[in-house]
Protein backbone atom coordinates (compact mmCIF):
# COMPACT_ATOMS: atom_id res chain seq x y z
CA UNK A 1 0.00 0.00 0.00
CA UNK A 2 1.30 3.43 -0.92
CA UNK A 3 1.98 5.86 1.89
CA UNK A 4 0.05 9.09 1.36
CA UNK A 5 2.23 12.08 0.67
CA UNK A 6 2.29 15.43 -1.06
CA UNK A 7 5.11 16.32 -3.42
CA UNK A 8 5.92 19.78 -4.73
CA UNK A 9 7.98 20.18 -7.88
CA UNK A 10 9.94 23.34 -8.60
CA UNK A 11 11.22 24.46 -12.00
CA UNK A 12 13.52 27.29 -10.89
CA UNK A 13 13.99 30.48 -12.84
CA UNK A 14 14.87 34.07 -12.13
CA UNK A 15 12.24 35.40 -14.52
CA UNK A 16 9.57 32.70 -14.29
CA UNK A 17 9.57 29.96 -11.67
CA UNK A 18 7.13 27.09 -12.06
CA UNK A 19 5.61 25.01 -9.30
CA UNK A 20 3.44 21.91 -9.35
CA UNK A 21 1.86 19.99 -6.50
CA UNK A 22 0.63 16.40 -6.54
CA UNK A 23 -0.85 14.21 -3.83
CA UNK A 24 -0.14 10.49 -3.81
CA UNK A 25 -2.42 7.90 -2.24
CA UNK A 26 -3.18 4.21 -2.77
CA UNK A 27 -4.68 5.09 -6.18
CA UNK A 28 -1.50 6.83 -7.38
CA UNK A 29 -0.71 10.49 -8.05
CA UNK A 30 -3.38 13.21 -8.26
CA UNK A 31 -3.17 16.80 -9.44
CA UNK A 32 -3.45 19.42 -6.69
CA UNK A 33 -2.23 22.73 -8.12
CA UNK A 34 0.29 24.42 -10.35
CA UNK A 35 1.37 27.92 -11.24
CA UNK A 36 4.19 30.31 -11.87
CA UNK A 37 5.92 33.18 -10.14
CA UNK A 38 6.39 35.82 -12.81
CA UNK A 39 9.19 38.01 -11.50
CA UNK A 40 10.30 39.58 -14.77
CA UNK A 41 9.28 43.05 -13.58
CA UNK A 42 11.74 42.94 -10.68
CA UNK A 43 15.11 44.27 -11.80
CA UNK A 44 17.22 43.73 -8.66
CA UNK A 45 18.51 40.13 -8.74
CA UNK A 46 18.58 39.93 -4.95
CA UNK A 47 15.00 41.14 -4.72
CA UNK A 48 14.10 38.32 -7.13
CA UNK A 49 15.75 35.77 -4.83
CA UNK A 50 13.90 37.17 -1.80
CA UNK A 51 10.66 36.96 -3.78
CA UNK A 52 11.37 33.32 -4.71
CA UNK A 53 12.21 32.42 -1.11
CA UNK A 54 9.08 34.12 0.25
CA UNK A 55 6.86 32.63 -2.45
CA UNK A 56 8.15 29.12 -1.82
CA UNK A 57 7.59 29.59 1.91
CA UNK A 58 3.96 30.50 1.19
CA UNK A 59 3.52 27.42 -1.02
CA UNK A 60 4.97 25.21 1.69
CA UNK A 61 2.59 26.69 4.25
CA UNK A 62 -0.38 26.26 1.90
CA UNK A 63 0.22 22.69 0.72
CA UNK A 64 2.37 21.19 3.53
CA UNK A 65 4.36 18.99 1.14
CA UNK A 66 6.24 16.01 2.48
CA UNK A 67 8.93 16.23 -0.21
CA UNK A 68 10.29 18.63 -2.82
CA UNK A 69 11.64 17.76 -6.26
CA UNK A 70 13.65 20.51 -7.91
CA UNK A 71 15.20 20.76 -11.35
CA UNK A 72 18.98 20.99 -11.42
CA UNK A 73 20.48 23.88 -13.36
CA UNK A 74 21.81 22.93 -16.76
CA UNK A 75 24.56 24.52 -18.79
CA UNK A 76 23.45 26.12 -22.02
CA UNK A 77 25.27 28.62 -24.18
CA UNK A 78 25.82 31.18 -21.44
CA UNK A 79 27.54 30.44 -18.13
CA UNK A 80 25.66 33.33 -16.48
CA UNK A 81 22.39 31.45 -16.99
CA UNK A 82 23.49 28.48 -14.89
CA UNK A 83 24.65 30.83 -12.13
CA UNK A 84 21.28 32.62 -12.06
CA UNK A 85 19.35 29.33 -12.14
CA UNK A 86 21.51 27.99 -9.34
CA UNK A 87 20.68 31.00 -7.20
CA UNK A 88 16.94 30.57 -7.85
CA UNK A 89 17.22 26.86 -7.07
CA UNK A 90 19.16 27.68 -3.88
CA UNK A 91 16.45 30.06 -2.67
CA UNK A 92 13.78 27.36 -3.18
CA UNK A 93 15.89 24.63 -1.56
CA UNK A 94 16.68 26.84 1.43
CA UNK A 95 12.98 27.55 2.03
CA UNK A 96 12.25 23.79 2.01
CA UNK A 97 15.20 22.68 4.14
CA UNK A 98 14.41 25.33 6.74
CA UNK A 99 10.99 23.65 7.11
CA UNK A 100 12.57 20.19 7.34
CA UNK A 101 11.27 19.11 3.92
CA UNK A 102 13.60 16.72 2.11
CA UNK A 103 14.68 17.89 -1.34
CA UNK A 104 15.72 15.77 -4.31
CA UNK A 105 17.28 17.21 -7.45
CA UNK A 106 16.55 15.89 -10.95
CA UNK A 107 18.13 16.80 -14.26
CA UNK A 108 15.66 18.12 -16.86
CA UNK A 109 16.45 15.15 -19.08
CA UNK A 110 15.71 12.67 -16.26
CA UNK A 111 12.25 14.17 -15.67
CA UNK A 112 11.47 14.12 -19.41
CA UNK A 113 12.49 10.47 -19.63
CA UNK A 114 10.29 9.62 -16.64
CA UNK A 115 7.27 11.36 -18.16
CA UNK A 116 7.67 10.93 -21.93
CA UNK A 117 10.28 8.22 -22.30
CA UNK A 118 12.37 10.71 -24.27
CA UNK A 119 14.98 12.98 -22.68
CA UNK A 120 14.70 15.42 -25.58
CA UNK A 121 10.91 15.84 -25.32
CA UNK A 122 9.58 19.36 -25.82
CA UNK A 123 7.74 21.31 -23.11
CA UNK A 124 4.48 20.81 -25.00
CA UNK A 125 5.05 17.03 -25.18
CA UNK A 126 5.66 16.97 -21.43
CA UNK A 127 2.47 18.96 -20.90
CA UNK A 128 0.40 16.51 -22.98
CA UNK A 129 1.74 13.51 -21.03
CA UNK A 130 1.15 15.26 -17.69
CA UNK A 131 -2.46 15.94 -18.70
CA UNK A 132 -3.02 12.32 -19.70
CA UNK A 133 -1.32 10.94 -16.57
CA UNK A 134 -3.09 13.21 -14.08
CA UNK A 135 -6.36 13.35 -16.07
CA UNK A 136 -6.51 17.13 -16.00
CA UNK A 137 -6.63 19.91 -18.59
CA UNK A 138 -3.81 22.42 -18.26
CA UNK A 139 -3.40 25.86 -19.77
CA UNK A 140 -0.57 25.75 -22.34
CA UNK A 141 0.67 29.17 -21.20
CA UNK A 142 2.00 27.54 -18.00
CA UNK A 143 4.68 25.28 -19.49
CA UNK A 144 7.09 26.09 -16.65
CA UNK A 145 4.44 24.84 -14.24
CA UNK A 146 3.89 21.63 -16.21
CA UNK A 147 7.66 21.08 -16.04
CA UNK A 148 7.36 21.42 -12.26
CA UNK A 149 4.55 18.85 -12.23
CA UNK A 150 6.82 16.59 -14.30
CA UNK A 151 9.49 16.90 -11.60
CA UNK A 152 6.99 15.98 -8.88
CA UNK A 153 5.82 12.96 -10.91
CA UNK A 154 9.41 11.96 -11.67
CA UNK A 155 10.11 12.00 -7.93
CA UNK A 156 7.03 9.88 -7.28
CA UNK A 157 8.11 7.34 -9.91
CA UNK A 158 11.70 7.25 -8.63
CA UNK A 159 10.73 6.81 -4.99
CA UNK A 160 7.93 4.31 -5.55
CA UNK A 161 10.03 1.99 -7.73
CA UNK A 162 10.89 -1.05 -5.61
CA UNK A 163 14.20 -1.44 -7.45
CA UNK A 164 15.23 2.11 -6.53
CA UNK A 165 15.38 1.01 -2.90
CA UNK A 166 18.11 -1.53 -3.71
CA UNK A 167 20.40 0.84 -5.49
CA UNK A 168 18.52 1.35 -8.73
CA UNK A 169 19.95 -1.75 -10.38
CA UNK A 170 17.71 -4.42 -11.82
CA UNK A 171 18.81 -6.97 -9.27
CA UNK A 172 15.71 -9.14 -9.13
CA UNK A 173 17.34 -11.83 -7.01
CA UNK A 174 18.13 -9.32 -4.26
CA UNK A 175 14.67 -7.76 -4.57
CA UNK A 176 12.96 -11.15 -4.15
CA UNK A 177 15.18 -12.02 -1.19
CA UNK A 178 14.22 -8.76 0.50
CA UNK A 179 10.52 -9.05 -0.43
CA UNK A 180 9.47 -12.72 -0.09
CA UNK A 181 5.86 -11.64 0.47
CA UNK A 182 5.74 -10.35 -3.13
CA UNK A 183 6.18 -13.84 -4.61
CA UNK A 184 2.93 -15.41 -5.77
CA UNK A 185 2.77 -19.17 -5.45
């Protein structure tokens, strides 16, 4: 039986930060909420970080998540981008760790593989799969939020996989030894 829990996913950004919340019960994951923090109008980079920290604190108070999944910064064409994303990620992680909420980091490619089976999937492909999985219609203008939902779902898949508990390797012999009650006779 699946332990009930709430997972928040964060797609960090210093212009737009996406968040997605799912609740997991014995029937699997369910959509709770999603949205974005649009902080493009703020010019001071430190004010943006304070806004991210405060906004994440409010989300944590509202949804009382048990766990947070956050996207790791990735290197693109400009090294400054990864530095800014890392700061945004750090503000979100700090808000969670100060509340005692465990945080797990996932690469964008890892979340796309978990949701679409393709690490190069587009944001719109991820959105379509999220909608089908969670049986909900989502506004296409919130693609950063659907990425955050993908992170939350990726975390659910990773942590509910029985093989993940034995090191992530497909060691069926060890799994069966540790779970004799799972063998049907």
